Full PDB file with SEQRES, HELIX, SHEET, SSBOND, CRYST1, ORIGX, SCALE, CONECT and MASTER records, all heavy atoms in Angstrom:
SEQRES   1 A   34  VAL GLY LEU ARG GLU VAL LEU ARG ARG MET ALA GLU GLY          
SEQRES   2 A   34  LYS ILE LEU LEU VAL VAL LEU ALA ALA ASP ALA GLU GLU          
SEQRES   3 A   34  HIS ILE LYS SER ARG LEU LYS ALA                              
HELIX    1 AA1 LEU A    3  ALA A   11  1                                   9    
HELIX    2 AA2 GLU A   26  LYS A   33  1                                   8    
CRYST1    1.000    1.000    1.000  90.00  90.00  90.00 P 1           1          
ORIGX1      1.000000  0.000000  0.000000        0.00000                         
ORIGX2      0.000000  1.000000  0.000000        0.00000                         
ORIGX3      0.000000  0.000000  1.000000        0.00000                         
SCALE1      1.000000  0.000000  0.000000        0.00000                         
SCALE2      0.000000  1.000000  0.000000        0.00000                         
SCALE3      0.000000  0.000000  1.000000        0.00000                         
ATOM      1  N   VAL A   1     -49.619 212.984  85.374  1.00  0.00           N  
ATOM      2  CA  VAL A   1     -49.276 212.490  86.660  1.00  0.00           C  
ATOM      3  C   VAL A   1     -48.602 213.730  87.374  1.00  0.00           C  
ATOM      4  O   VAL A   1     -47.791 214.481  86.905  1.00  0.00           O  
ATOM      5  CB  VAL A   1     -48.260 211.406  86.645  1.00  0.00           C  
ATOM      6  CG1 VAL A   1     -47.877 210.920  88.078  1.00  0.00           C  
ATOM      7  CG2 VAL A   1     -48.799 210.183  85.856  1.00  0.00           C  
ATOM      8  N   GLY A   2     -49.063 213.871  88.725  1.00  0.00           N  
ATOM      9  CA  GLY A   2     -48.497 214.755  89.616  1.00  0.00           C  
ATOM     10  C   GLY A   2     -49.372 216.027  89.820  1.00  0.00           C  
ATOM     11  O   GLY A   2     -50.117 216.489  88.844  1.00  0.00           O  
ATOM     12  N   LEU A   3     -49.289 216.699  90.968  1.00  0.00           N  
ATOM     13  CA  LEU A   3     -50.176 217.808  91.273  1.00  0.00           C  
ATOM     14  C   LEU A   3     -49.967 218.990  90.327  1.00  0.00           C  
ATOM     15  O   LEU A   3     -50.968 219.603  89.811  1.00  0.00           O  
ATOM     16  CB  LEU A   3     -49.851 218.228  92.805  1.00  0.00           C  
ATOM     17  CG  LEU A   3     -50.535 219.524  93.310  1.00  0.00           C  
ATOM     18  CD1 LEU A   3     -52.078 219.116  93.342  1.00  0.00           C  
ATOM     19  CD2 LEU A   3     -50.001 219.878  94.539  1.00  0.00           C  
ATOM     20  N   ARG A   4     -48.838 219.428  90.046  1.00  0.00           N  
ATOM     21  CA  ARG A   4     -48.703 220.602  89.167  1.00  0.00           C  
ATOM     22  C   ARG A   4     -49.225 220.325  87.791  1.00  0.00           C  
ATOM     23  O   ARG A   4     -49.969 221.294  87.302  1.00  0.00           O  
ATOM     24  CB  ARG A   4     -47.181 220.902  89.175  1.00  0.00           C  
ATOM     25  CG  ARG A   4     -46.728 221.826  90.354  1.00  0.00           C  
ATOM     26  CD  ARG A   4     -45.348 222.407  90.131  1.00  0.00           C  
ATOM     27  NE  ARG A   4     -44.483 221.670  91.006  1.00  0.00           N  
ATOM     28  CZ  ARG A   4     -43.181 221.664  91.020  1.00  0.00           C  
ATOM     29  NH1 ARG A   4     -42.566 222.417  90.066  1.00  0.00           N  
ATOM     30  NH2 ARG A   4     -42.455 221.100  91.797  1.00  0.00           N  
ATOM     31  N   GLU A   5     -48.815 219.221  87.233  1.00  0.00           N  
ATOM     32  CA  GLU A   5     -49.351 218.950  85.903  1.00  0.00           C  
ATOM     33  C   GLU A   5     -50.883 218.962  85.868  1.00  0.00           C  
ATOM     34  O   GLU A   5     -51.490 219.301  84.941  1.00  0.00           O  
ATOM     35  CB  GLU A   5     -48.615 217.661  85.358  1.00  0.00           C  
ATOM     36  CG  GLU A   5     -48.830 217.432  83.979  1.00  0.00           C  
ATOM     37  CD  GLU A   5     -48.281 218.412  83.012  1.00  0.00           C  
ATOM     38  OE1 GLU A   5     -47.394 219.168  83.251  1.00  0.00           O  
ATOM     39  OE2 GLU A   5     -48.583 218.479  81.767  1.00  0.00           O  
ATOM     40  N   VAL A   6     -51.496 218.197  86.867  1.00  0.00           N  
ATOM     41  CA  VAL A   6     -52.852 218.013  86.780  1.00  0.00           C  
ATOM     42  C   VAL A   6     -53.484 219.494  86.932  1.00  0.00           C  
ATOM     43  O   VAL A   6     -54.445 219.704  86.234  1.00  0.00           O  
ATOM     44  CB  VAL A   6     -53.356 217.061  87.898  1.00  0.00           C  
ATOM     45  CG1 VAL A   6     -54.879 217.161  88.137  1.00  0.00           C  
ATOM     46  CG2 VAL A   6     -52.976 215.718  87.585  1.00  0.00           C  
ATOM     47  N   LEU A   7     -53.020 220.152  87.856  1.00  0.00           N  
ATOM     48  CA  LEU A   7     -53.670 221.521  88.087  1.00  0.00           C  
ATOM     49  C   LEU A   7     -53.541 222.479  86.748  1.00  0.00           C  
ATOM     50  O   LEU A   7     -54.315 223.099  86.459  1.00  0.00           O  
ATOM     51  CB  LEU A   7     -53.077 222.294  89.312  1.00  0.00           C  
ATOM     52  CG  LEU A   7     -53.420 221.680  90.683  1.00  0.00           C  
ATOM     53  CD1 LEU A   7     -52.588 222.296  91.719  1.00  0.00           C  
ATOM     54  CD2 LEU A   7     -54.916 221.831  90.921  1.00  0.00           C  
ATOM     55  N   ARG A   8     -52.262 222.408  86.176  1.00  0.00           N  
ATOM     56  CA  ARG A   8     -52.089 223.102  84.944  1.00  0.00           C  
ATOM     57  C   ARG A   8     -53.039 222.658  83.906  1.00  0.00           C  
ATOM     58  O   ARG A   8     -53.733 223.612  83.231  1.00  0.00           O  
ATOM     59  CB  ARG A   8     -50.632 222.942  84.438  1.00  0.00           C  
ATOM     60  CG  ARG A   8     -50.315 223.747  83.229  1.00  0.00           C  
ATOM     61  CD  ARG A   8     -48.997 223.630  82.917  1.00  0.00           C  
ATOM     62  NE  ARG A   8     -48.480 222.305  82.349  1.00  0.00           N  
ATOM     63  CZ  ARG A   8     -48.742 222.116  81.107  1.00  0.00           C  
ATOM     64  NH1 ARG A   8     -49.182 222.909  80.125  1.00  0.00           N  
ATOM     65  NH2 ARG A   8     -48.359 220.859  80.563  1.00  0.00           N  
ATOM     66  N   ARG A   9     -53.186 221.374  83.584  1.00  0.00           N  
ATOM     67  CA  ARG A   9     -54.119 220.965  82.649  1.00  0.00           C  
ATOM     68  C   ARG A   9     -55.592 221.183  82.940  1.00  0.00           C  
ATOM     69  O   ARG A   9     -56.370 221.414  82.031  1.00  0.00           O  
ATOM     70  CB  ARG A   9     -53.792 219.432  82.493  1.00  0.00           C  
ATOM     71  CG  ARG A   9     -52.510 219.018  81.768  1.00  0.00           C  
ATOM     72  CD  ARG A   9     -52.287 219.633  80.417  1.00  0.00           C  
ATOM     73  NE  ARG A   9     -50.882 219.259  79.952  1.00  0.00           N  
ATOM     74  CZ  ARG A   9     -50.770 218.124  79.111  1.00  0.00           C  
ATOM     75  NH1 ARG A   9     -51.740 217.410  78.724  1.00  0.00           N  
ATOM     76  NH2 ARG A   9     -49.500 217.890  78.764  1.00  0.00           N  
ATOM     77  N   MET A  10     -55.927 221.182  84.220  1.00  0.00           N  
ATOM     78  CA  MET A  10     -57.254 221.452  84.618  1.00  0.00           C  
ATOM     79  C   MET A  10     -57.569 223.017  84.273  1.00  0.00           C  
ATOM     80  O   MET A  10     -58.679 223.212  83.955  1.00  0.00           O  
ATOM     81  CB  MET A  10     -57.416 221.266  86.098  1.00  0.00           C  
ATOM     82  CG  MET A  10     -58.956 221.126  86.579  1.00  0.00           C  
ATOM     83  SD  MET A  10     -59.187 220.819  88.342  1.00  0.00           S  
ATOM     84  CE  MET A  10     -58.243 219.195  88.461  1.00  0.00           C  
ATOM     85  N   ALA A  11     -56.660 223.845  84.568  1.00  0.00           N  
ATOM     86  CA  ALA A  11     -56.794 225.161  84.356  1.00  0.00           C  
ATOM     87  C   ALA A  11     -57.030 225.497  82.818  1.00  0.00           C  
ATOM     88  O   ALA A  11     -57.649 226.407  82.321  1.00  0.00           O  
ATOM     89  CB  ALA A  11     -55.699 226.122  84.811  1.00  0.00           C  
ATOM     90  N   GLU A  12     -56.422 224.628  82.024  1.00  0.00           N  
ATOM     91  CA  GLU A  12     -56.623 224.615  80.489  1.00  0.00           C  
ATOM     92  C   GLU A  12     -57.910 224.014  80.034  1.00  0.00           C  
ATOM     93  O   GLU A  12     -58.164 224.011  78.778  1.00  0.00           O  
ATOM     94  CB  GLU A  12     -55.315 224.017  79.845  1.00  0.00           C  
ATOM     95  CG  GLU A  12     -54.098 224.673  80.035  1.00  0.00           C  
ATOM     96  CD  GLU A  12     -52.853 223.940  79.593  1.00  0.00           C  
ATOM     97  OE1 GLU A  12     -52.986 222.703  79.188  1.00  0.00           O  
ATOM     98  OE2 GLU A  12     -51.630 224.543  79.648  1.00  0.00           O  
ATOM     99  N   GLY A  13     -58.522 223.382  80.964  1.00  0.00           N  
ATOM    100  CA  GLY A  13     -59.785 222.634  80.538  1.00  0.00           C  
ATOM    101  C   GLY A  13     -59.657 221.364  79.899  1.00  0.00           C  
ATOM    102  O   GLY A  13     -60.458 220.873  79.194  1.00  0.00           O  
ATOM    103  N   LYS A  14     -58.541 220.734  80.268  1.00  0.00           N  
ATOM    104  CA  LYS A  14     -58.182 219.542  79.461  1.00  0.00           C  
ATOM    105  C   LYS A  14     -58.309 218.269  80.357  1.00  0.00           C  
ATOM    106  O   LYS A  14     -58.049 217.165  79.819  1.00  0.00           O  
ATOM    107  CB  LYS A  14     -56.619 219.553  78.979  1.00  0.00           C  
ATOM    108  CG  LYS A  14     -56.483 220.582  77.982  1.00  0.00           C  
ATOM    109  CD  LYS A  14     -55.056 220.663  77.469  1.00  0.00           C  
ATOM    110  CE  LYS A  14     -54.908 221.657  76.424  1.00  0.00           C  
ATOM    111  NZ  LYS A  14     -53.474 221.983  75.941  1.00  0.00           N  
ATOM    112  N   ILE A  15     -58.772 218.380  81.724  1.00  0.00           N  
ATOM    113  CA  ILE A  15     -58.821 217.228  82.497  1.00  0.00           C  
ATOM    114  C   ILE A  15     -60.291 216.807  82.496  1.00  0.00           C  
ATOM    115  O   ILE A  15     -61.207 217.594  82.851  1.00  0.00           O  
ATOM    116  CB  ILE A  15     -58.391 217.574  83.863  1.00  0.00           C  
ATOM    117  CG1 ILE A  15     -56.946 217.803  83.942  1.00  0.00           C  
ATOM    118  CG2 ILE A  15     -58.767 216.407  84.886  1.00  0.00           C  
ATOM    119  CD1 ILE A  15     -55.963 216.685  83.675  1.00  0.00           C  
ATOM    120  N   LEU A  16     -60.454 215.476  82.373  1.00  0.00           N  
ATOM    121  CA  LEU A  16     -61.845 214.944  82.311  1.00  0.00           C  
ATOM    122  C   LEU A  16     -62.205 214.341  83.797  1.00  0.00           C  
ATOM    123  O   LEU A  16     -63.390 214.517  84.208  1.00  0.00           O  
ATOM    124  CB  LEU A  16     -61.982 213.827  81.286  1.00  0.00           C  
ATOM    125  CG  LEU A  16     -63.313 212.925  81.381  1.00  0.00           C  
ATOM    126  CD1 LEU A  16     -64.376 213.921  80.808  1.00  0.00           C  
ATOM    127  CD2 LEU A  16     -63.144 211.901  80.361  1.00  0.00           C  
ATOM    128  N   LEU A  17     -61.196 213.844  84.307  1.00  0.00           N  
ATOM    129  CA  LEU A  17     -61.332 213.068  85.653  1.00  0.00           C  
ATOM    130  C   LEU A  17     -60.118 213.062  86.428  1.00  0.00           C  
ATOM    131  O   LEU A  17     -58.992 212.924  85.801  1.00  0.00           O  
ATOM    132  CB  LEU A  17     -61.838 211.692  85.436  1.00  0.00           C  
ATOM    133  CG  LEU A  17     -61.911 210.801  86.561  1.00  0.00           C  
ATOM    134  CD1 LEU A  17     -63.304 211.176  87.284  1.00  0.00           C  
ATOM    135  CD2 LEU A  17     -62.018 209.258  86.194  1.00  0.00           C  
ATOM    136  N   VAL A  18     -60.261 213.220  87.681  1.00  0.00           N  
ATOM    137  CA  VAL A  18     -58.986 213.140  88.638  1.00  0.00           C  
ATOM    138  C   VAL A  18     -59.093 211.885  89.419  1.00  0.00           C  
ATOM    139  O   VAL A  18     -60.149 211.587  89.912  1.00  0.00           O  
ATOM    140  CB  VAL A  18     -58.915 214.457  89.479  1.00  0.00           C  
ATOM    141  CG1 VAL A  18     -57.897 214.145  90.609  1.00  0.00           C  
ATOM    142  CG2 VAL A  18     -58.610 215.653  88.669  1.00  0.00           C  
ATOM    143  N   VAL A  19     -57.939 211.137  89.477  1.00  0.00           N  
ATOM    144  CA  VAL A  19     -57.951 210.020  90.374  1.00  0.00           C  
ATOM    145  C   VAL A  19     -56.866 210.489  91.516  1.00  0.00           C  
ATOM    146  O   VAL A  19     -55.662 210.678  91.254  1.00  0.00           O  
ATOM    147  CB  VAL A  19     -57.362 208.646  89.658  1.00  0.00           C  
ATOM    148  CG1 VAL A  19     -57.292 207.568  90.735  1.00  0.00           C  
ATOM    149  CG2 VAL A  19     -58.161 208.477  88.518  1.00  0.00           C  
ATOM    150  N   LEU A  20     -57.389 210.284  92.718  1.00  0.00           N  
ATOM    151  CA  LEU A  20     -56.704 210.851  93.945  1.00  0.00           C  
ATOM    152  C   LEU A  20     -56.340 209.811  95.040  1.00  0.00           C  
ATOM    153  O   LEU A  20     -57.305 209.011  95.279  1.00  0.00           O  
ATOM    154  CB  LEU A  20     -57.451 211.952  94.564  1.00  0.00           C  
ATOM    155  CG  LEU A  20     -56.964 212.705  95.831  1.00  0.00           C  
ATOM    156  CD1 LEU A  20     -55.639 213.343  95.500  1.00  0.00           C  
ATOM    157  CD2 LEU A  20     -57.886 213.730  96.309  1.00  0.00           C  
ATOM    158  N   ALA A  21     -55.053 209.671  95.376  1.00  0.00           N  
ATOM    159  CA  ALA A  21     -54.713 208.600  96.310  1.00  0.00           C  
ATOM    160  C   ALA A  21     -55.393 208.962  97.619  1.00  0.00           C  
ATOM    161  O   ALA A  21     -55.183 210.175  98.147  1.00  0.00           O  
ATOM    162  CB  ALA A  21     -53.337 208.456  96.419  1.00  0.00           C  
ATOM    163  N   ALA A  22     -55.965 208.095  98.433  1.00  0.00           N  
ATOM    164  CA  ALA A  22     -56.529 208.271  99.682  1.00  0.00           C  
ATOM    165  C   ALA A  22     -55.563 208.673 100.753  1.00  0.00           C  
ATOM    166  O   ALA A  22     -55.830 209.371 101.709  1.00  0.00           O  
ATOM    167  CB  ALA A  22     -57.273 206.987 100.088  1.00  0.00           C  
ATOM    168  N   ASP A  23     -54.336 208.259 100.504  1.00  0.00           N  
ATOM    169  CA  ASP A  23     -53.272 208.549 101.523  1.00  0.00           C  
ATOM    170  C   ASP A  23     -52.253 209.708 101.189  1.00  0.00           C  
ATOM    171  O   ASP A  23     -51.298 209.878 101.750  1.00  0.00           O  
ATOM    172  CB  ASP A  23     -52.454 207.286 101.932  1.00  0.00           C  
ATOM    173  CG  ASP A  23     -51.667 206.739 100.709  1.00  0.00           C  
ATOM    174  OD1 ASP A  23     -51.952 207.100  99.491  1.00  0.00           O  
ATOM    175  OD2 ASP A  23     -50.743 205.843 100.758  1.00  0.00           O  
ATOM    176  N   ALA A  24     -52.747 210.470 100.244  1.00  0.00           N  
ATOM    177  CA  ALA A  24     -52.079 211.673  99.856  1.00  0.00           C  
ATOM    178  C   ALA A  24     -52.116 212.709 101.056  1.00  0.00           C  
ATOM    179  O   ALA A  24     -52.995 212.676 101.796  1.00  0.00           O  
ATOM    180  CB  ALA A  24     -52.659 212.334  98.555  1.00  0.00           C  
ATOM    181  N   GLU A  25     -51.230 213.533 101.081  1.00  0.00           N  
ATOM    182  CA  GLU A  25     -51.162 214.600 102.106  1.00  0.00           C  
ATOM    183  C   GLU A  25     -52.405 215.498 102.000  1.00  0.00           C  
ATOM    184  O   GLU A  25     -52.925 215.782 100.979  1.00  0.00           O  
ATOM    185  CB  GLU A  25     -49.880 215.481 101.983  1.00  0.00           C  
ATOM    186  CG  GLU A  25     -48.593 214.762 102.193  1.00  0.00           C  
ATOM    187  CD  GLU A  25     -47.371 215.511 102.170  1.00  0.00           C  
ATOM    188  OE1 GLU A  25     -47.433 216.875 102.393  1.00  0.00           O  
ATOM    189  OE2 GLU A  25     -46.360 215.138 101.820  1.00  0.00           O  
ATOM    190  N   GLU A  26     -52.789 215.915 103.233  1.00  0.00           N  
ATOM    191  CA  GLU A  26     -54.163 216.610 103.118  1.00  0.00           C  
ATOM    192  C   GLU A  26     -54.078 217.877 102.456  1.00  0.00           C  
ATOM    193  O   GLU A  26     -55.056 218.187 101.822  1.00  0.00           O  
ATOM    194  CB  GLU A  26     -54.348 216.889 104.798  1.00  0.00           C  
ATOM    195  CG  GLU A  26     -55.567 216.499 105.404  1.00  0.00           C  
ATOM    196  CD  GLU A  26     -56.609 215.703 104.663  1.00  0.00           C  
ATOM    197  OE1 GLU A  26     -56.518 214.402 104.799  1.00  0.00           O  
ATOM    198  OE2 GLU A  26     -57.495 216.162 103.981  1.00  0.00           O  
ATOM    199  N   HIS A  27     -52.888 218.669 102.367  1.00  0.00           N  
ATOM    200  CA  HIS A  27     -52.944 219.858 101.726  1.00  0.00           C  
ATOM    201  C   HIS A  27     -53.059 219.572 100.043  1.00  0.00           C  
ATOM    202  O   HIS A  27     -53.732 220.496  99.434  1.00  0.00           O  
ATOM    203  CB  HIS A  27     -51.684 220.691 101.926  1.00  0.00           C  
ATOM    204  CG  HIS A  27     -50.416 220.097 101.471  1.00  0.00           C  
ATOM    205  ND1 HIS A  27     -49.884 220.570 100.202  1.00  0.00           N  
ATOM    206  CD2 HIS A  27     -49.592 219.191 101.936  1.00  0.00           C  
ATOM    207  CE1 HIS A  27     -48.845 219.821 100.039  1.00  0.00           C  
ATOM    208  NE2 HIS A  27     -48.529 219.017 101.009  1.00  0.00           N  
ATOM    209  N   ILE A  28     -52.609 218.464  99.649  1.00  0.00           N  
ATOM    210  CA  ILE A  28     -52.773 218.143  98.279  1.00  0.00           C  
ATOM    211  C   ILE A  28     -54.186 217.771  97.943  1.00  0.00           C  
ATOM    212  O   ILE A  28     -54.765 218.218  96.986  1.00  0.00           O  
ATOM    213  CB  ILE A  28     -51.859 216.868  97.970  1.00  0.00           C  
ATOM    214  CG1 ILE A  28     -50.407 217.470  98.034  1.00  0.00           C  
ATOM    215  CG2 ILE A  28     -52.251 216.366  96.553  1.00  0.00           C  
ATOM    216  CD1 ILE A  28     -49.397 216.208  97.809  1.00  0.00           C  
ATOM    217  N   LYS A  29     -54.826 217.072  98.843  1.00  0.00           N  
ATOM    218  CA  LYS A  29     -56.283 216.554  98.635  1.00  0.00           C  
ATOM    219  C   LYS A  29     -57.088 217.750  98.637  1.00  0.00           C  
ATOM    220  O   LYS A  29     -57.984 217.926  97.697  1.00  0.00           O  
ATOM    221  CB  LYS A  29     -56.528 215.590  99.670  1.00  0.00           C  
ATOM    222  CG  LYS A  29     -55.966 214.185  99.603  1.00  0.00           C  
ATOM    223  CD  LYS A  29     -56.618 213.010 100.323  1.00  0.00           C  
ATOM    224  CE  LYS A  29     -56.352 213.095 101.767  1.00  0.00           C  
ATOM    225  NZ  LYS A  29     -56.737 211.904 102.427  1.00  0.00           N  
ATOM    226  N   SER A  30     -56.921 218.683  99.666  1.00  0.00           N  
ATOM    227  CA  SER A  30     -57.820 219.844  99.699  1.00  0.00           C  
ATOM    228  C   SER A  30     -57.766 220.750  98.550  1.00  0.00           C  
ATOM    229  O   SER A  30     -58.718 221.306  97.961  1.00  0.00           O  
ATOM    230  CB  SER A  30     -57.729 220.582 101.110  1.00  0.00           C  
ATOM    231  OG  SER A  30     -56.406 221.113 101.239  1.00  0.00           O  
ATOM    232  N   ARG A  31     -56.546 220.847  98.100  1.00  0.00           N  
ATOM    233  CA  ARG A  31     -56.145 221.801  96.929  1.00  0.00           C  
ATOM    234  C   ARG A  31     -56.891 221.254  95.683  1.00  0.00           C  
ATOM    235  O   ARG A  31     -57.523 221.924  94.847  1.00  0.00           O  
ATOM    236  CB  ARG A  31     -54.684 221.956  96.754  1.00  0.00           C  
ATOM    237  CG  ARG A  31     -54.347 222.959  95.673  1.00  0.00           C  
ATOM    238  CD  ARG A  31     -52.793 223.226  95.708  1.00  0.00           C  
ATOM    239  NE  ARG A  31     -52.492 224.123  94.738  1.00  0.00           N  
ATOM    240  CZ  ARG A  31     -51.210 224.370  94.248  1.00  0.00           C  
ATOM    241  NH1 ARG A  31     -50.279 223.990  95.054  1.00  0.00           N  
ATOM    242  NH2 ARG A  31     -50.964 225.106  93.310  1.00  0.00           N  
ATOM    243  N   LEU A  32     -56.653 219.979  95.517  1.00  0.00           N  
ATOM    244  CA  LEU A  32     -57.287 219.310  94.272  1.00  0.00           C  
ATOM    245  C   LEU A  32     -58.860 219.250  94.385  1.00  0.00           C  
ATOM    246  O   LEU A  32     -59.422 219.483  93.318  1.00  0.00           O  
ATOM    247  CB  LEU A  32     -56.679 217.880  94.203  1.00  0.00           C  
ATOM    248  CG  LEU A  32     -55.305 217.770  93.448  1.00  0.00           C  
ATOM    249  CD1 LEU A  32     -54.870 216.437  93.688  1.00  0.00           C  
ATOM    250  CD2 LEU A  32     -55.614 218.055  92.075  1.00  0.00           C  
ATOM    251  N   LYS A  33     -59.286 219.020  95.391  1.00  0.00           N  
ATOM    252  CA  LYS A  33     -60.799 219.080  95.614  1.00  0.00           C  
ATOM    253  C   LYS A  33     -61.322 220.374  95.349  1.00  0.00           C  
ATOM    254  O   LYS A  33     -62.373 220.380  94.597  1.00  0.00           O  
ATOM    255  CB  LYS A  33     -61.248 218.466  97.035  1.00  0.00           C  
ATOM    256  CG  LYS A  33     -60.890 216.988  97.267  1.00  0.00           C  
ATOM    257  CD  LYS A  33     -61.247 216.613  98.687  1.00  0.00           C  
ATOM    258  CE  LYS A  33     -60.964 215.179  98.790  1.00  0.00           C  
ATOM    259  NZ  LYS A  33     -61.213 214.637 100.176  1.00  0.00           N  
ATOM    260  N   ALA A  34     -60.709 221.457  95.760  1.00  0.00           N  
ATOM    261  CA  ALA A  34     -61.146 222.808  95.483  1.00  0.00           C  
ATOM    262  C   ALA A  34     -61.051 223.099  93.957  1.00  0.00           C  
ATOM    263  O   ALA A  34     -62.014 223.597  93.360  1.00  0.00           O  
ATOM    264  CB  ALA A  34     -60.407 223.869  96.293  1.00  0.00           C  
TER     265      ALA A  34                                                      
MASTER        0    0    0    2    0    0    0    6  264    1    0    3          
END                                                                             
């Protein structure tokens, strides 16, 4: 859970899927989508 942990695990190749809240702040959504 959380932006930092998801990004860290994604960089390690450990994330299969991301669930993103529609009402999250735009900078979080754009960073995660990238």
